[in-house]
Amino acid sequence: MLERYEIETFLTLAEELHFGRTGERLRVSTGRVSHVVRKLERRIGAPLFERTSRVVRLTPIGVRLAGTRSSLRDGTIDVLIASYPFDGMANGPVLMRERRVLAVAAGHPLAAEESVSLEVLGDHPVVQYPAVTSAAFKQDRTPVRTPAGRPVPEGPVGGSFSEMLALVALGRGVLPVGEQTRQFYARPDVAYVPIHDAPPISRGPVWMAENTTSRVREFVRAAADANPLPPD
């Protein structure tokens, strides 16, 4: 299982074929890009890029990996475990719930708080998801109004989740995220503060409604049976 930041780093480097430009796009150092790629290559057990002083190119295995981008719409995969809401898809039962936290710069005044309310979104610019992100997902993660109806200031748009966190680290805005971001995107320049009045993020199986085959139904049923949620 590849982590999201590993996939983002690999695919960005596969497009740029340049460590410096990849670091600029992801708002991380060149050394960080190299570290993630080396770690990924150790896990896979083979080099993904050929590196010389003049050029970076994909190896045959790297080309194959870059070409296997999972997609529900083109039939590459049947079922995806994803966070809701997932527009235009059939959704299975919730398999996991995750508390929401607010990502802020380490030096931000909110970083010292034990918890915050959703109302604080009306006081700080919120980093935005890319335009290609579904409207329902953006409304769930980065609402335009607080529970009391106050407008939420829009911060800068990030091209990827890693870039969005980099904007947070630079003090350009705050960002509501799931608490597992603390583990998978740990960075010393970002703090994660619990949001005490936010509903949890739900995750579970999603698939194309027209692809509701018996195999898909059995998989979803088996996944739910194997992962019963504790009572709220």
C-alpha atoms as a PDB file:
ATOM      1  CA  MET A   1       0.000   0.000   0.000  1.00  0.00           C
ATOM      2  CA  LEU A   2       1.539   3.303  -1.093  1.00  0.00           C
ATOM      3  CA  GLU A   3       0.951   6.391   0.995  1.00  0.00           C
ATOM      4  CA  ARG A   4      -0.659   9.413  -0.603  1.00  0.00           C
ATOM      5  CA  TYR A   5       2.406  11.633  -0.276  1.00  0.00           C
ATOM      6  CA  GLU A   6       4.530   8.925  -1.919  1.00  0.00           C
ATOM      7  CA  ILE A   7       2.139   8.717  -4.868  1.00  0.00           C
ATOM      8  CA  GLU A   8       2.037  12.517  -5.231  1.00  0.00           C
ATOM      9  CA  THR A   9       5.825  12.761  -5.120  1.00  0.00           C
ATOM     10  CA  PHE A  10       6.342   9.939  -7.601  1.00  0.00           C
ATOM     11  CA  LEU A  11       3.752  11.160 -10.110  1.00  0.00           C
ATOM     12  CA  THR A  12       4.992  14.755  -9.925  1.00  0.00           C
ATOM     13  CA  LEU A  13       8.592  13.670 -10.511  1.00  0.00           C
ATOM     14  CA  ALA A  14       7.414  11.396 -13.338  1.00  0.00           C
ATOM     15  CA  GLU A  15       5.918  14.494 -15.019  1.00  0.00           C
ATOM     16  CA  GLU A  16       8.709  16.953 -14.301  1.00  0.00           C
ATOM     17  CA  LEU A  17      11.716  14.602 -14.521  1.00  0.00           C
ATOM     18  CA  HIS A  18      13.510  17.202 -12.433  1.00  0.00           C
ATOM     19  CA  PHE A  19      13.992  17.040  -8.659  1.00  0.00           C
ATOM     20  CA  GLY A  20      14.172  20.806  -8.234  1.00  0.00           C
ATOM     21  CA  ARG A  21      10.946  21.538 -10.117  1.00  0.00           C
ATOM     22  CA  THR A  22       9.220  18.686  -8.293  1.00  0.00           C
ATOM     23  CA  GLY A  23      10.238  20.186  -4.969  1.00  0.00           C
ATOM     24  CA  GLU A  24       8.953  23.591  -6.064  1.00  0.00           C
ATOM     25  CA  ARG A  25       5.566  22.187  -7.081  1.00  0.00           C
ATOM     26  CA  LEU A  26       5.165  20.226  -3.849  1.00  0.00           C
ATOM     27  CA  ARG A  27       6.639  23.051  -1.732  1.00  0.00           C
ATOM     28  CA  VAL A  28       9.256  20.751  -0.200  1.00  0.00           C
ATOM     29  CA  SER A  29      13.039  20.560  -0.444  1.00  0.00           C
ATOM     30  CA  THR A  30      14.855  18.631  -3.164  1.00  0.00           C
ATOM     31  CA  GLY A  31      16.288  16.463  -0.415  1.00  0.00           C
ATOM     32  CA  ARG A  32      12.777  15.561   0.713  1.00  0.00           C
ATOM     33  CA  VAL A  33      11.852  14.490  -2.826  1.00  0.00           C
ATOM     34  CA  SER A  34      14.987  12.322  -3.036  1.00  0.00           C
ATOM     35  CA  HIS A  35      14.260  10.762   0.364  1.00  0.00           C
ATOM     36  CA  VAL A  36      10.676   9.838  -0.586  1.00  0.00           C
ATOM     37  CA  VAL A  37      11.769   8.363  -3.924  1.00  0.00           C
ATOM     38  CA  ARG A  38      14.550   6.289  -2.336  1.00  0.00           C
ATOM     39  CA  LYS A  39      12.143   5.030   0.314  1.00  0.00           C
ATOM     40  CA  LEU A  40       9.596   4.129  -2.374  1.00  0.00           C
ATOM     41  CA  GLU A  41      12.224   2.316  -4.438  1.00  0.00           C
ATOM     42  CA  ARG A  42      13.305   0.288  -1.389  1.00  0.00           C
ATOM     43  CA  ARG A  43       9.692  -0.764  -0.780  1.00  0.00           C
ATOM     44  CA  ILE A  44       9.184  -1.740  -4.414  1.00  0.00           C
ATOM     45  CA  GLY A  45      12.586  -3.377  -4.658  1.00  0.00           C
ATOM     46  CA  ALA A  46      13.685  -1.761  -7.902  1.00  0.00           C
ATOM     47  CA  PRO A  47      14.787   1.664  -9.202  1.00  0.00           C
ATOM     48  CA  LEU A  48      12.001   3.845 -10.594  1.00  0.00           C
ATOM     49  CA  PHE A  49      14.220   6.571 -12.073  1.00  0.00           C
ATOM     50  CA  GLU A  50      17.571   6.683 -13.824  1.00  0.00           C
ATOM     51  CA  ARG A  51      19.549   9.629 -12.476  1.00  0.00           C
ATOM     52  CA  THR A  52      22.632  11.215 -13.974  1.00  0.00           C
ATOM     53  CA  SER A  53      24.140  14.675 -13.577  1.00  0.00           C
ATOM     54  CA  ARG A  54      22.273  15.746 -16.714  1.00  0.00           C
ATOM     55  CA  VAL A  55      19.021  13.849 -16.893  1.00  0.00           C
ATOM     56  CA  VAL A  56      16.318  12.078 -14.898  1.00  0.00           C
ATOM     57  CA  ARG A  57      14.233   9.473 -16.699  1.00  0.00           C
ATOM     58  CA  LEU A  58      11.794   6.735 -15.733  1.00  0.00           C
ATOM     59  CA  THR A  59      12.980   3.146 -15.700  1.00  0.00           C
ATOM     60  CA  PRO A  60      10.734   0.539 -17.366  1.00  0.00           C
ATOM     61  CA  ILE A  61       9.280  -0.307 -13.949  1.00  0.00           C
ATOM     62  CA  GLY A  62       8.751   3.402 -13.281  1.00  0.00           C
ATOM     63  CA  VAL A  63       6.907   3.749 -16.592  1.00  0.00           C
ATOM     64  CA  ARG A  64       4.613   0.859 -15.653  1.00  0.00           C
ATOM     65  CA  LEU A  65       3.917   2.315 -12.230  1.00  0.00           C
ATOM     66  CA  ALA A  66       3.209   5.776 -13.651  1.00  0.00           C
ATOM     67  CA  GLY A  67       0.757   4.248 -16.108  1.00  0.00           C
ATOM     68  CA  THR A  68      -1.311   2.413 -13.461  1.00  0.00           C
ATOM     69  CA  ARG A  69      -3.273   5.349 -12.014  1.00  0.00           C
ATOM     70  CA  SER A  70      -6.356   3.768 -10.384  1.00  0.00           C
ATOM     71  CA  SER A  71      -9.685   5.012 -11.829  1.00  0.00           C
ATOM     72  CA  LEU A  72     -13.273   3.958 -11.242  1.00  0.00           C
ATOM     73  CA  ARG A  73     -14.608   5.680 -14.337  1.00  0.00           C
ATOM     74  CA  ASP A  74     -12.422   3.865 -16.871  1.00  0.00           C
ATOM     75  CA  GLY A  75     -12.920   0.471 -15.243  1.00  0.00           C
ATOM     76  CA  THR A  76      -9.326   0.084 -14.059  1.00  0.00           C
ATOM     77  CA  ILE A  77     -10.636  -0.724 -10.590  1.00  0.00           C
ATOM     78  CA  ASP A  78     -14.043  -1.866  -9.378  1.00  0.00           C
ATOM     79  CA  VAL A  79     -14.178  -0.551  -5.812  1.00  0.00           C
ATOM     80  CA  LEU A  80     -12.251   2.198  -4.072  1.00  0.00           C
ATOM     81  CA  ILE A  81     -12.070   2.866  -0.336  1.00  0.00           C
ATOM     82  CA  ALA A  82     -12.366   6.644  -0.102  1.00  0.00           C
ATOM     83  CA  SER A  83     -13.615   9.430   2.115  1.00  0.00           C
ATOM     84  CA  TYR A  84     -17.152  10.711   1.618  1.00  0.00           C
ATOM     85  CA  PRO A  85     -18.738  12.571  -0.046  1.00  0.00           C
ATOM     86  CA  PHE A  86     -17.671  11.067  -3.364  1.00  0.00           C
ATOM     87  CA  ASP A  87     -19.792  12.613  -6.130  1.00  0.00           C
ATOM     88  CA  GLY A  88     -21.580  10.585  -8.760  1.00  0.00           C
ATOM     89  CA  MET A  89     -20.831   7.184  -7.228  1.00  0.00           C
ATOM     90  CA  ALA A  90     -22.592   4.491  -5.267  1.00  0.00           C
ATOM     91  CA  ASN A  91     -21.449   4.509  -1.646  1.00  0.00           C
ATOM     92  CA  GLY A  92     -21.178   1.458   0.564  1.00  0.00           C
ATOM     93  CA  PRO A  93     -21.381   1.316   4.383  1.00  0.00           C
ATOM     94  CA  VAL A  94     -19.013   3.447   6.453  1.00  0.00           C
ATOM     95  CA  LEU A  95     -15.937   1.424   7.411  1.00  0.00           C
ATOM     96  CA  MET A  96     -14.026   4.089   9.315  1.00  0.00           C
ATOM     97  CA  ARG A  97     -14.619   7.417  11.009  1.00  0.00           C
ATOM     98  CA  GLU A  98     -11.869   9.932  11.563  1.00  0.00           C
ATOM     99  CA  ARG A  99     -11.912  13.008  13.787  1.00  0.00           C
ATOM    100  CA  ARG A 100     -11.312  16.364  12.143  1.00  0.00           C
ATOM    101  CA  VAL A 101      -8.434  18.588  13.149  1.00  0.00           C
ATOM    102  CA  LEU A 102      -7.325  22.017  11.978  1.00  0.00           C
ATOM    103  CA  ALA A 103      -3.915  22.222  10.313  1.00  0.00           C
ATOM    104  CA  VAL A 104      -2.185  25.500  11.194  1.00  0.00           C
ATOM    105  CA  ALA A 105       1.370  26.796  10.964  1.00  0.00           C
ATOM    106  CA  ALA A 106       3.467  25.757  13.955  1.00  0.00           C
ATOM    107  CA  GLY A 107       3.803  29.386  15.000  1.00  0.00           C
ATOM    108  CA  HIS A 108       0.127  30.239  14.520  1.00  0.00           C
ATOM    109  CA  PRO A 109      -1.769  31.534  17.605  1.00  0.00           C
ATOM    110  CA  LEU A 110      -4.214  28.598  17.322  1.00  0.00           C
ATOM    111  CA  ALA A 111      -1.386  26.041  17.520  1.00  0.00           C
ATOM    112  CA  ALA A 112      -1.313  26.366  21.311  1.00  0.00           C
ATOM    113  CA  GLU A 113      -5.046  25.665  21.750  1.00  0.00           C
ATOM    114  CA  GLU A 114      -6.248  22.318  23.119  1.00  0.00           C
ATOM    115  CA  SER A 115      -9.148  22.414  20.636  1.00  0.00           C
ATOM    116  CA  VAL A 116     -11.013  24.901  18.465  1.00  0.00           C
ATOM    117  CA  SER A 117     -14.535  25.401  17.137  1.00  0.00           C
ATOM    118  CA  LEU A 118     -15.565  25.447  13.478  1.00  0.00           C
ATOM    119  CA  GLU A 119     -16.381  29.103  14.079  1.00  0.00           C
ATOM    120  CA  VAL A 120     -12.663  29.964  13.906  1.00  0.00           C
ATOM    121  CA  LEU A 121     -12.855  29.355  10.144  1.00  0.00           C
ATOM    122  CA  GLY A 122     -14.569  32.728   9.924  1.00  0.00           C
ATOM    123  CA  ASP A 123     -11.479  34.410  11.369  1.00  0.00           C
ATOM    124  CA  HIS A 124      -8.732  32.929   9.203  1.00  0.00           C
ATOM    125  CA  PRO A 125      -8.254  32.295   5.456  1.00  0.00           C
ATOM    126  CA  VAL A 126      -8.774  28.642   4.582  1.00  0.00           C
ATOM    127  CA  VAL A 127      -6.494  27.018   2.010  1.00  0.00           C
ATOM    128  CA  GLN A 128      -8.575  25.758  -0.931  1.00  0.00           C
ATOM    129  CA  TYR A 129      -8.617  22.470  -2.855  1.00  0.00           C
ATOM    130  CA  PRO A 130      -7.880  22.473  -6.619  1.00  0.00           C
ATOM    131  CA  ALA A 131     -10.700  23.451  -8.975  1.00  0.00           C
ATOM    132  CA  VAL A 132     -11.044  19.852 -10.205  1.00  0.00           C
ATOM    133  CA  THR A 133     -12.163  18.734  -6.728  1.00  0.00           C
ATOM    134  CA  SER A 134     -15.877  17.939  -6.535  1.00  0.00           C
ATOM    135  CA  ALA A 135     -18.136  20.654  -5.153  1.00  0.00           C
ATOM    136  CA  ALA A 136     -19.632  18.382  -2.487  1.00  0.00           C
ATOM    137  CA  PHE A 137     -16.208  17.345  -1.230  1.00  0.00           C
ATOM    138  CA  LYS A 138     -14.981  20.949  -1.064  1.00  0.00           C
ATOM    139  CA  GLN A 139     -18.112  22.054   0.775  1.00  0.00           C
ATOM    140  CA  ASP A 140     -17.625  19.279   3.319  1.00  0.00           C
ATOM    141  CA  ARG A 141     -13.916  19.956   3.896  1.00  0.00           C
ATOM    142  CA  THR A 142     -13.707  23.721   3.357  1.00  0.00           C
ATOM    143  CA  PRO A 143     -17.201  25.202   3.882  1.00  0.00           C
ATOM    144  CA  VAL A 144     -17.971  28.705   2.666  1.00  0.00           C
ATOM    145  CA  ARG A 145     -19.767  29.628   5.909  1.00  0.00           C
ATOM    146  CA  THR A 146     -19.352  28.805   9.580  1.00  0.00           C
ATOM    147  CA  PRO A 147     -22.163  27.094  11.542  1.00  0.00           C
ATOM    148  CA  ALA A 148     -23.277  30.568  12.655  1.00  0.00           C
ATOM    149  CA  GLY A 149     -23.469  31.743   9.046  1.00  0.00           C
ATOM    150  CA  ARG A 150     -20.351  33.898   8.917  1.00  0.00           C
ATOM    151  CA  PRO A 151     -18.439  33.847   5.602  1.00  0.00           C
ATOM    152  CA  VAL A 152     -15.190  31.874   5.559  1.00  0.00           C
ATOM    153  CA  PRO A 153     -12.294  33.797   3.939  1.00  0.00           C
ATOM    154  CA  GLU A 154     -10.797  31.900   1.003  1.00  0.00           C
ATOM    155  CA  GLY A 155      -7.059  31.377   1.130  1.00  0.00           C
ATOM    156  CA  PRO A 156      -4.764  30.340  -1.737  1.00  0.00           C
ATOM    157  CA  VAL A 157      -5.449  27.243  -3.834  1.00  0.00           C
ATOM    158  CA  GLY A 158      -3.088  24.279  -3.614  1.00  0.00           C
ATOM    159  CA  GLY A 159      -2.400  22.033  -6.577  1.00  0.00           C
ATOM    160  CA  SER A 160      -2.098  18.930  -4.391  1.00  0.00           C
ATOM    161  CA  PHE A 161      -2.660  17.998  -0.775  1.00  0.00           C
ATOM    162  CA  SER A 162       1.068  18.270  -0.066  1.00  0.00           C
ATOM    163  CA  GLU A 163       1.086  21.745  -1.582  1.00  0.00           C
ATOM    164  CA  MET A 164      -1.924  22.721   0.512  1.00  0.00           C
ATOM    165  CA  LEU A 165      -0.105  21.719   3.693  1.00  0.00           C
ATOM    166  CA  ALA A 166       2.942  23.642   2.515  1.00  0.00           C
ATOM    167  CA  LEU A 167       0.776  26.753   2.196  1.00  0.00           C
ATOM    168  CA  VAL A 168      -0.432  26.146   5.751  1.00  0.00           C
ATOM    169  CA  ALA A 169       3.167  25.856   6.952  1.00  0.00           C
ATOM    170  CA  LEU A 170       3.965  29.184   5.288  1.00  0.00           C
ATOM    171  CA  GLY A 171       1.175  30.841   7.246  1.00  0.00           C
ATOM    172  CA  ARG A 172      -0.969  31.467   4.180  1.00  0.00           C
ATOM    173  CA  GLY A 173      -4.068  29.897   5.722  1.00  0.00           C
ATOM    174  CA  VAL A 174      -5.522  27.098   7.847  1.00  0.00           C
ATOM    175  CA  LEU A 175      -7.033  23.802   6.655  1.00  0.00           C
ATOM    176  CA  PRO A 176      -9.491  21.331   8.238  1.00  0.00           C
ATOM    177  CA  VAL A 177      -8.222  17.767   7.710  1.00  0.00           C
ATOM    178  CA  GLY A 178      -8.593  14.281   9.149  1.00  0.00           C
ATOM    179  CA  GLU A 179      -6.534  13.428  12.213  1.00  0.00           C
ATOM    180  CA  GLN A 180      -4.579  10.749  10.328  1.00  0.00           C
ATOM    181  CA  THR A 181      -2.914  13.571   8.417  1.00  0.00           C
ATOM    182  CA  ARG A 182      -0.844  14.062  11.575  1.00  0.00           C
ATOM    183  CA  GLN A 183       0.680  10.613  11.030  1.00  0.00           C
ATOM    184  CA  PHE A 184       0.980  10.445   7.254  1.00  0.00           C
ATOM    185  CA  TYR A 185       1.986  14.087   6.666  1.00  0.00           C
ATOM    186  CA  ALA A 186       3.973  14.775   9.817  1.00  0.00           C
ATOM    187  CA  ARG A 187       6.027  17.947   9.469  1.00  0.00           C
ATOM    188  CA  PRO A 188       7.533  20.153  12.188  1.00  0.00           C
ATOM    189  CA  ASP A 189       6.177  23.369  10.687  1.00  0.00           C
ATOM    190  CA  VAL A 190       2.509  22.299  10.893  1.00  0.00           C
ATOM    191  CA  ALA A 191       0.415  21.733  14.016  1.00  0.00           C
ATOM    192  CA  TYR A 192      -2.888  19.831  14.144  1.00  0.00           C
ATOM    193  CA  VAL A 193      -5.520  21.129  16.582  1.00  0.00           C
ATOM    194  CA  PRO A 194      -8.674  19.066  17.299  1.00  0.00           C
ATOM    195  CA  ILE A 195     -11.984  20.615  16.157  1.00  0.00           C
ATOM    196  CA  HIS A 196     -14.352  19.769  18.990  1.00  0.00           C
ATOM    197  CA  ASP A 197     -17.666  20.499  17.236  1.00  0.00           C
ATOM    198  CA  ALA A 198     -17.007  19.045  13.756  1.00  0.00           C
ATOM    199  CA  PRO A 199     -18.592  15.796  12.566  1.00  0.00           C
ATOM    200  CA  PRO A 200     -16.122  12.994  11.791  1.00  0.00           C
ATOM    201  CA  ILE A 201     -14.906  12.221   8.305  1.00  0.00           C
ATOM    202  CA  SER A 202     -16.403   8.948   7.037  1.00  0.00           C
ATOM    203  CA  ARG A 203     -14.648   6.506   4.739  1.00  0.00           C
ATOM    204  CA  GLY A 204     -15.911   3.451   2.922  1.00  0.00           C
ATOM    205  CA  PRO A 205     -16.286   1.722  -0.443  1.00  0.00           C
ATOM    206  CA  VAL A 206     -17.398   3.637  -3.526  1.00  0.00           C
ATOM    207  CA  TRP A 207     -18.052   2.335  -7.035  1.00  0.00           C
ATOM    208  CA  MET A 208     -19.813   3.184 -10.270  1.00  0.00           C
ATOM    209  CA  ALA A 209     -23.531   2.517  -9.851  1.00  0.00           C
ATOM    210  CA  GLU A 210     -23.692   0.810 -13.246  1.00  0.00           C
ATOM    211  CA  ASN A 211     -20.924  -1.518 -12.082  1.00  0.00           C
ATOM    212  CA  THR A 212     -22.936  -2.953  -9.175  1.00  0.00           C
ATOM    213  CA  THR A 213     -22.100  -6.555  -9.949  1.00  0.00           C
ATOM    214  CA  SER A 214     -22.477  -9.512  -7.630  1.00  0.00           C
ATOM    215  CA  ARG A 215     -18.719  -9.480  -7.119  1.00  0.00           C
ATOM    216  CA  VAL A 216     -18.822  -5.826  -6.019  1.00  0.00           C
ATOM    217  CA  ARG A 217     -21.754  -6.485  -3.681  1.00  0.00           C
ATOM    218  CA  GLU A 218     -19.973  -9.452  -2.088  1.00  0.00           C
ATOM    219  CA  PHE A 219     -16.768  -7.454  -1.638  1.00  0.00           C
ATOM    220  CA  VAL A 220     -18.612  -4.587   0.048  1.00  0.00           C
ATOM    221  CA  ARG A 221     -20.486  -7.001   2.307  1.00  0.00           C
ATOM    222  CA  ALA A 222     -17.275  -8.813   3.275  1.00  0.00           C
ATOM    223  CA  ALA A 223     -15.498  -5.518   3.983  1.00  0.00           C
ATOM    224  CA  ALA A 224     -18.325  -4.390   6.272  1.00  0.00           C
ATOM    225  CA  ASP A 225     -18.438  -7.755   8.082  1.00  0.00           C
ATOM    226  CA  ALA A 226     -14.682  -7.693   8.642  1.00  0.00           C
ATOM    227  CA  ASN A 227     -14.652  -4.135   9.929  1.00  0.00           C
ATOM    228  CA  PRO A 228     -17.592  -3.508  12.302  1.00  0.00           C
ATOM    229  CA  LEU A 229     -17.644   0.056  13.600  1.00  0.00           C
ATOM    230  CA  PRO A 230     -17.836   0.602  17.356  1.00  0.00           C
ATOM    231  CA  PRO A 231     -21.010   2.355  18.536  1.00  0.00           C
ATOM    232  CA  ASP A 232     -20.921   6.174  18.491  1.00  0.00           C
END
